[in-house]
């Protein structure tokens, strides 16, 4: 049960990060200017994060965890 909760949290987080990366969300850029300098959100990183989250979900479903 806890594994599925962690998966759903990862999936929602990766979807939000993808939305921010692809939409050029102005609130992120203005609010976290200093943080953004050291941890940039790039489209490539966010796609891999989404793919890995979906892969974890596939493994959970496949192995019936």
PDB file of N, CA and C in Angstrom:
ATOM      1  N   UNK A   1       0.820  -1.201   0.000  1.00  0.00           N
ATOM      2  CA  UNK A   1       0.000   0.000   0.000  1.00  0.00           C
ATOM      3  C   UNK A   1       0.865   1.267   0.000  1.00  0.00           C
ATOM      4  N   UNK A   2       1.895   1.266   0.834  1.00  0.00           N
ATOM      5  CA  UNK A   2       2.754   2.449   0.919  1.00  0.00           C
ATOM      6  C   UNK A   2       3.520   2.659  -0.387  1.00  0.00           C
ATOM      7  N   UNK A   3       3.846   1.570  -1.073  1.00  0.00           N
ATOM      8  CA  UNK A   3       4.564   1.675  -2.345  1.00  0.00           C
ATOM      9  C   UNK A   3       3.693   2.373  -3.379  1.00  0.00           C
ATOM     10  N   UNK A   4       2.419   2.066  -3.394  1.00  0.00           N
ATOM     11  CA  UNK A   4       1.517   2.700  -4.351  1.00  0.00           C
ATOM     12  C   UNK A   4       1.326   4.181  -4.036  1.00  0.00           C
ATOM     13  N   UNK A   5       1.309   4.523  -2.776  1.00  0.00           N
ATOM     14  CA  UNK A   5       1.194   5.936  -2.395  1.00  0.00           C
ATOM     15  C   UNK A   5       2.434   6.699  -2.842  1.00  0.00           C
ATOM     16  N   UNK A   6       3.607   6.112  -2.627  1.00  0.00           N
ATOM     17  CA  UNK A   6       4.849   6.753  -3.059  1.00  0.00           C
ATOM     18  C   UNK A   6       4.868   6.900  -4.576  1.00  0.00           C
ATOM     19  N   UNK A   7       4.408   5.869  -5.289  1.00  0.00           N
ATOM     20  CA  UNK A   7       4.347   5.971  -6.744  1.00  0.00           C
ATOM     21  C   UNK A   7       3.451   7.119  -7.191  1.00  0.00           C
ATOM     22  N   UNK A   8       2.265   7.231  -6.606  1.00  0.00           N
ATOM     23  CA  UNK A   8       1.349   8.301  -7.017  1.00  0.00           C
ATOM     24  C   UNK A   8       1.913   9.680  -6.687  1.00  0.00           C
ATOM     25  N   UNK A   9       2.620   9.805  -5.563  1.00  0.00           N
ATOM     26  CA  UNK A   9       3.259  11.082  -5.244  1.00  0.00           C
ATOM     27  C   UNK A   9       4.354  11.421  -6.259  1.00  0.00           C
ATOM     28  N   UNK A  10       5.150  10.425  -6.635  1.00  0.00           N
ATOM     29  CA  UNK A  10       6.177  10.647  -7.659  1.00  0.00           C
ATOM     30  C   UNK A  10       5.563  11.019  -9.001  1.00  0.00           C
ATOM     31  N   UNK A  11       4.482  10.333  -9.357  1.00  0.00           N
ATOM     32  CA  UNK A  11       3.843  10.617 -10.639  1.00  0.00           C
ATOM     33  C   UNK A  11       3.273  12.028 -10.673  1.00  0.00           C
ATOM     34  N   UNK A  12       2.584  12.431  -9.624  1.00  0.00           N
ATOM     35  CA  UNK A  12       2.025  13.785  -9.583  1.00  0.00           C
ATOM     36  C   UNK A  12       3.142  14.822  -9.611  1.00  0.00           C
ATOM     37  N   UNK A  13       4.210  14.566  -8.852  1.00  0.00           N
ATOM     38  CA  UNK A  13       5.342  15.496  -8.845  1.00  0.00           C
ATOM     39  C   UNK A  13       5.976  15.609 -10.225  1.00  0.00           C
ATOM     40  N   UNK A  14       6.154  14.487 -10.911  1.00  0.00           N
ATOM     41  CA  UNK A  14       6.766  14.546 -12.241  1.00  0.00           C
ATOM     42  C   UNK A  14       5.855  15.244 -13.247  1.00  0.00           C
ATOM     43  N   UNK A  15       4.550  15.088 -13.109  1.00  0.00           N
ATOM     44  CA  UNK A  15       3.633  15.798 -14.000  1.00  0.00           C
ATOM     45  C   UNK A  15       3.670  17.313 -13.756  1.00  0.00           C
ATOM     46  N   UNK A  16       3.754  17.715 -12.499  1.00  0.00           N
ATOM     47  CA  UNK A  16       3.838  19.146 -12.180  1.00  0.00           C
ATOM     48  C   UNK A  16       5.141  19.736 -12.707  1.00  0.00           C
ATOM     49  N   UNK A  17       6.242  19.024 -12.523  1.00  0.00           N
ATOM     50  CA  UNK A  17       7.541  19.514 -13.015  1.00  0.00           C
ATOM     51  C   UNK A  17       7.529  19.618 -14.535  1.00  0.00           C
ATOM     52  N   UNK A  18       6.923  18.641 -15.214  1.00  0.00           N
ATOM     53  CA  UNK A  18       6.822  18.718 -16.671  1.00  0.00           C
ATOM     54  C   UNK A  18       5.984  19.903 -17.105  1.00  0.00           C
ATOM     55  N   UNK A  19       4.913  20.170 -16.397  1.00  0.00           N
ATOM     56  CA  UNK A  19       4.085  21.337 -16.721  1.00  0.00           C
ATOM     57  C   UNK A  19       4.889  22.628 -16.587  1.00  0.00           C
ATOM     58  N   UNK A  20       5.645  22.749 -15.506  1.00  0.00           N
ATOM     59  CA  UNK A  20       6.446  23.961 -15.295  1.00  0.00           C
ATOM     60  C   UNK A  20       7.516  24.093 -16.377  1.00  0.00           C
ATOM     61  N   UNK A  21       8.174  22.981 -16.712  1.00  0.00           N
ATOM     62  CA  UNK A  21       9.264  23.038 -17.694  1.00  0.00           C
ATOM     63  C   UNK A  21       8.762  23.375 -19.090  1.00  0.00           C
ATOM     64  N   UNK A  22       7.623  22.839 -19.471  1.00  0.00           N
ATOM     65  CA  UNK A  22       7.140  23.031 -20.837  1.00  0.00           C
ATOM     66  C   UNK A  22       6.306  24.289 -21.008  1.00  0.00           C
ATOM     67  N   UNK A  23       5.749  24.829 -19.929  1.00  0.00           N
ATOM     68  CA  UNK A  23       4.869  25.986 -20.080  1.00  0.00           C
ATOM     69  C   UNK A  23       5.563  27.307 -19.790  1.00  0.00           C
ATOM     70  N   UNK A  24       6.796  27.260 -19.330  1.00  0.00           N
ATOM     71  CA  UNK A  24       7.524  28.486 -18.958  1.00  0.00           C
ATOM     72  C   UNK A  24       6.738  29.267 -17.903  1.00  0.00           C
ATOM     73  N   UNK A  25       6.365  28.560 -16.848  1.00  0.00           N
ATOM     74  CA  UNK A  25       5.555  29.131 -15.772  1.00  0.00           C
ATOM     75  C   UNK A  25       6.285  30.325 -15.143  1.00  0.00           C
ATOM     76  N   UNK A  26       5.720  31.497 -15.268  1.00  0.00           N
ATOM     77  CA  UNK A  26       6.364  32.724 -14.820  1.00  0.00           C
ATOM     78  C   UNK A  26       6.492  32.784 -13.296  1.00  0.00           C
ATOM     79  N   UNK A  27       5.572  32.161 -12.575  1.00  0.00           N
ATOM     80  CA  UNK A  27       5.651  32.173 -11.112  1.00  0.00           C
ATOM     81  C   UNK A  27       6.906  31.465 -10.627  1.00  0.00           C
ATOM     82  N   UNK A  28       7.278  30.381 -11.274  1.00  0.00           N
ATOM     83  CA  UNK A  28       8.500  29.666 -10.883  1.00  0.00           C
ATOM     84  C   UNK A  28       9.730  30.522 -11.135  1.00  0.00           C
ATOM     85  N   UNK A  29       9.773  31.174 -12.294  1.00  0.00           N
ATOM     86  CA  UNK A  29      10.953  31.948 -12.644  1.00  0.00           C
ATOM     87  C   UNK A  29      11.112  33.197 -11.783  1.00  0.00           C
ATOM     88  N   UNK A  30      10.017  33.810 -11.394  1.00  0.00           N
ATOM     89  CA  UNK A  30      10.126  35.020 -10.586  1.00  0.00           C
ATOM     90  C   UNK A  30      10.314  34.707  -9.107  1.00  0.00           C
ATOM     91  N   UNK A  31       9.694  33.655  -8.611  1.00  0.00           N
ATOM     92  CA  UNK A  31       9.759  33.346  -7.183  1.00  0.00           C
ATOM     93  C   UNK A  31      11.077  32.696  -6.789  1.00  0.00           C
ATOM     94  N   UNK A  32      11.576  31.791  -7.603  1.00  0.00           N
ATOM     95  CA  UNK A  32      12.763  31.024  -7.252  1.00  0.00           C
ATOM     96  C   UNK A  32      13.950  31.386  -8.147  1.00  0.00           C
ATOM     97  N   UNK A  33      14.246  32.653  -8.258  1.00  0.00           N
ATOM     98  CA  UNK A  33      15.315  33.100  -9.155  1.00  0.00           C
ATOM     99  C   UNK A  33      16.682  32.568  -8.719  1.00  0.00           C
ATOM    100  N   UNK A  34      17.006  32.661  -7.445  1.00  0.00           N
ATOM    101  CA  UNK A  34      18.299  32.184  -6.957  1.00  0.00           C
ATOM    102  C   UNK A  34      18.356  30.655  -7.011  1.00  0.00           C
ATOM    103  N   UNK A  35      17.282  30.003  -6.617  1.00  0.00           N
ATOM    104  CA  UNK A  35      17.220  28.535  -6.651  1.00  0.00           C
ATOM    105  C   UNK A  35      17.321  28.025  -8.081  1.00  0.00           C
ATOM    106  N   UNK A  36      16.712  28.726  -9.001  1.00  0.00           N
ATOM    107  CA  UNK A  36      16.705  28.325 -10.412  1.00  0.00           C
ATOM    108  C   UNK A  36      18.097  28.368 -11.020  1.00  0.00           C
ATOM    109  N   UNK A  37      18.939  29.234 -10.504  1.00  0.00           N
ATOM    110  CA  UNK A  37      20.301  29.342 -11.035  1.00  0.00           C
ATOM    111  C   UNK A  37      21.099  28.055 -10.786  1.00  0.00           C
ATOM    112  N   UNK A  38      20.899  27.432  -9.622  1.00  0.00           N
ATOM    113  CA  UNK A  38      21.649  26.236  -9.266  1.00  0.00           C
ATOM    114  C   UNK A  38      20.935  24.936  -9.624  1.00  0.00           C
ATOM    115  N   UNK A  39      19.609  24.968  -9.720  1.00  0.00           N
ATOM    116  CA  UNK A  39      18.822  23.787 -10.065  1.00  0.00           C
ATOM    117  C   UNK A  39      17.872  24.129 -11.207  1.00  0.00           C
ATOM    118  N   UNK A  40      18.377  24.219 -12.421  1.00  0.00           N
ATOM    119  CA  UNK A  40      17.508  24.577 -13.541  1.00  0.00           C
ATOM    120  C   UNK A  40      16.574  23.431 -13.908  1.00  0.00           C
ATOM    121  N   UNK A  41      15.370  23.775 -14.304  1.00  0.00           N
ATOM    122  CA  UNK A  41      14.426  22.776 -14.786  1.00  0.00           C
ATOM    123  C   UNK A  41      14.580  22.719 -16.299  1.00  0.00           C
ATOM    124  N   UNK A  42      15.109  21.598 -16.770  1.00  0.00           N
ATOM    125  CA  UNK A  42      15.273  21.419 -18.201  1.00  0.00           C
ATOM    126  C   UNK A  42      14.278  20.383 -18.692  1.00  0.00           C
ATOM    127  N   UNK A  43      13.925  20.495 -19.937  1.00  0.00           N
ATOM    128  CA  UNK A  43      12.918  19.599 -20.497  1.00  0.00           C
ATOM    129  C   UNK A  43      13.411  18.158 -20.544  1.00  0.00           C
ATOM    130  N   UNK A  44      14.667  17.953 -20.824  1.00  0.00           N
ATOM    131  CA  UNK A  44      15.205  16.599 -20.885  1.00  0.00           C
ATOM    132  C   UNK A  44      15.147  15.894 -19.542  1.00  0.00           C
ATOM    133  N   UNK A  45      15.540  16.606 -18.491  1.00  0.00           N
ATOM    134  CA  UNK A  45      15.504  16.027 -17.153  1.00  0.00           C
ATOM    135  C   UNK A  45      14.080  15.686 -16.739  1.00  0.00           C
ATOM    136  N   UNK A  46      13.137  16.553 -17.046  1.00  0.00           N
ATOM    137  CA  UNK A  46      11.762  16.308 -16.620  1.00  0.00           C
ATOM    138  C   UNK A  46      11.136  15.148 -17.388  1.00  0.00           C
ATOM    139  N   UNK A  47      11.507  14.981 -18.646  1.00  0.00           N
ATOM    140  CA  UNK A  47      10.981  13.837 -19.404  1.00  0.00           C
ATOM    141  C   UNK A  47      11.508  12.532 -18.813  1.00  0.00           C
ATOM    142  N   UNK A  48      12.801  12.489 -18.479  1.00  0.00           N
ATOM    143  CA  UNK A  48      13.347  11.274 -17.873  1.00  0.00           C
ATOM    144  C   UNK A  48      12.716  10.994 -16.517  1.00  0.00           C
ATOM    145  N   UNK A  49      12.439  12.031 -15.769  1.00  0.00           N
ATOM    146  CA  UNK A  49      11.783  11.875 -14.466  1.00  0.00           C
ATOM    147  C   UNK A  49      10.393  11.269 -14.650  1.00  0.00           C
ATOM    148  N   UNK A  50       9.657  11.727 -15.650  1.00  0.00           N
ATOM    149  CA  UNK A  50       8.333  11.168 -15.933  1.00  0.00           C
ATOM    150  C   UNK A  50       8.441   9.723 -16.399  1.00  0.00           C
ATOM    151  N   UNK A  51       9.395   9.432 -17.273  1.00  0.00           N
ATOM    152  CA  UNK A  51       9.566   8.065 -17.770  1.00  0.00           C
ATOM    153  C   UNK A  51       9.928   7.117 -16.623  1.00  0.00           C
ATOM    154  N   UNK A  52      10.826   7.538 -15.745  1.00  0.00           N
ATOM    155  CA  UNK A  52      11.197   6.691 -14.613  1.00  0.00           C
ATOM    156  C   UNK A  52      10.026   6.486 -13.656  1.00  0.00           C
ATOM    157  N   UNK A  53       9.231   7.519 -13.440  1.00  0.00           N
ATOM    158  CA  UNK A  53       8.044   7.374 -12.597  1.00  0.00           C
ATOM    159  C   UNK A  53       7.058   6.390 -13.210  1.00  0.00           C
ATOM    160  N   UNK A  54       6.846   6.479 -14.509  1.00  0.00           N
ATOM    161  CA  UNK A  54       5.943   5.544 -15.177  1.00  0.00           C
ATOM    162  C   UNK A  54       6.517   4.123 -15.164  1.00  0.00           C
ATOM    163  N   UNK A  55       7.824   3.989 -15.271  1.00  0.00           N
ATOM    164  CA  UNK A  55       8.453   2.681 -15.211  1.00  0.00           C
ATOM    165  C   UNK A  55       8.275   2.050 -13.830  1.00  0.00           C
ATOM    166  N   UNK A  56       8.405   2.845 -12.796  1.00  0.00           N
ATOM    167  CA  UNK A  56       8.163   2.348 -11.439  1.00  0.00           C
ATOM    168  C   UNK A  56       6.719   1.883 -11.300  1.00  0.00           C
ATOM    169  N   UNK A  57       5.787   2.642 -11.854  1.00  0.00           N
ATOM    170  CA  UNK A  57       4.390   2.234 -11.826  1.00  0.00           C
ATOM    171  C   UNK A  57       4.158   0.944 -12.584  1.00  0.00           C
ATOM    172  N   UNK A  58       4.826   0.786 -13.708  1.00  0.00           N
ATOM    173  CA  UNK A  58       4.711  -0.455 -14.478  1.00  0.00           C
ATOM    174  C   UNK A  58       5.228  -1.636 -13.669  1.00  0.00           C
ATOM    175  N   UNK A  59       6.367  -1.462 -13.001  1.00  0.00           N
ATOM    176  CA  UNK A  59       6.918  -2.544 -12.192  1.00  0.00           C
ATOM    177  C   UNK A  59       6.001  -2.894 -11.026  1.00  0.00           C
ATOM    178  N   UNK A  60       5.415  -1.898 -10.414  1.00  0.00           N
ATOM    179  CA  UNK A  60       4.483  -2.153  -9.320  1.00  0.00           C
ATOM    180  C   UNK A  60       3.282  -2.935  -9.825  1.00  0.00           C
ATOM    181  N   UNK A  61       2.771  -2.557 -10.959  1.00  0.00           N
ATOM    182  CA  UNK A  61       1.613  -3.252 -11.527  1.00  0.00           C
ATOM    183  C   UNK A  61       1.981  -4.664 -11.980  1.00  0.00           C
ATOM    184  N   UNK A  62       3.123  -4.802 -12.633  1.00  0.00           N
ATOM    185  CA  UNK A  62       3.539  -6.087 -13.184  1.00  0.00           C
ATOM    186  C   UNK A  62       3.840  -7.108 -12.094  1.00  0.00           C
ATOM    187  N   UNK A  63       4.519  -6.661 -11.027  1.00  0.00           N
ATOM    188  CA  UNK A  63       4.881  -7.568  -9.944  1.00  0.00           C
ATOM    189  C   UNK A  63       3.846  -7.606  -8.830  1.00  0.00           C
ATOM    190  N   UNK A  64       2.728  -6.917  -8.992  1.00  0.00           N
ATOM    191  CA  UNK A  64       1.609  -6.941  -8.047  1.00  0.00           C
ATOM    192  C   UNK A  64       2.040  -6.586  -6.610  1.00  0.00           C
ATOM    193  N   UNK A  65       2.835  -5.543  -6.510  1.00  0.00           N
ATOM    194  CA  UNK A  65       3.305  -5.101  -5.194  1.00  0.00           C
ATOM    195  C   UNK A  65       2.220  -4.315  -4.506  1.00  0.00           C
TER     196      UNK A  65
END
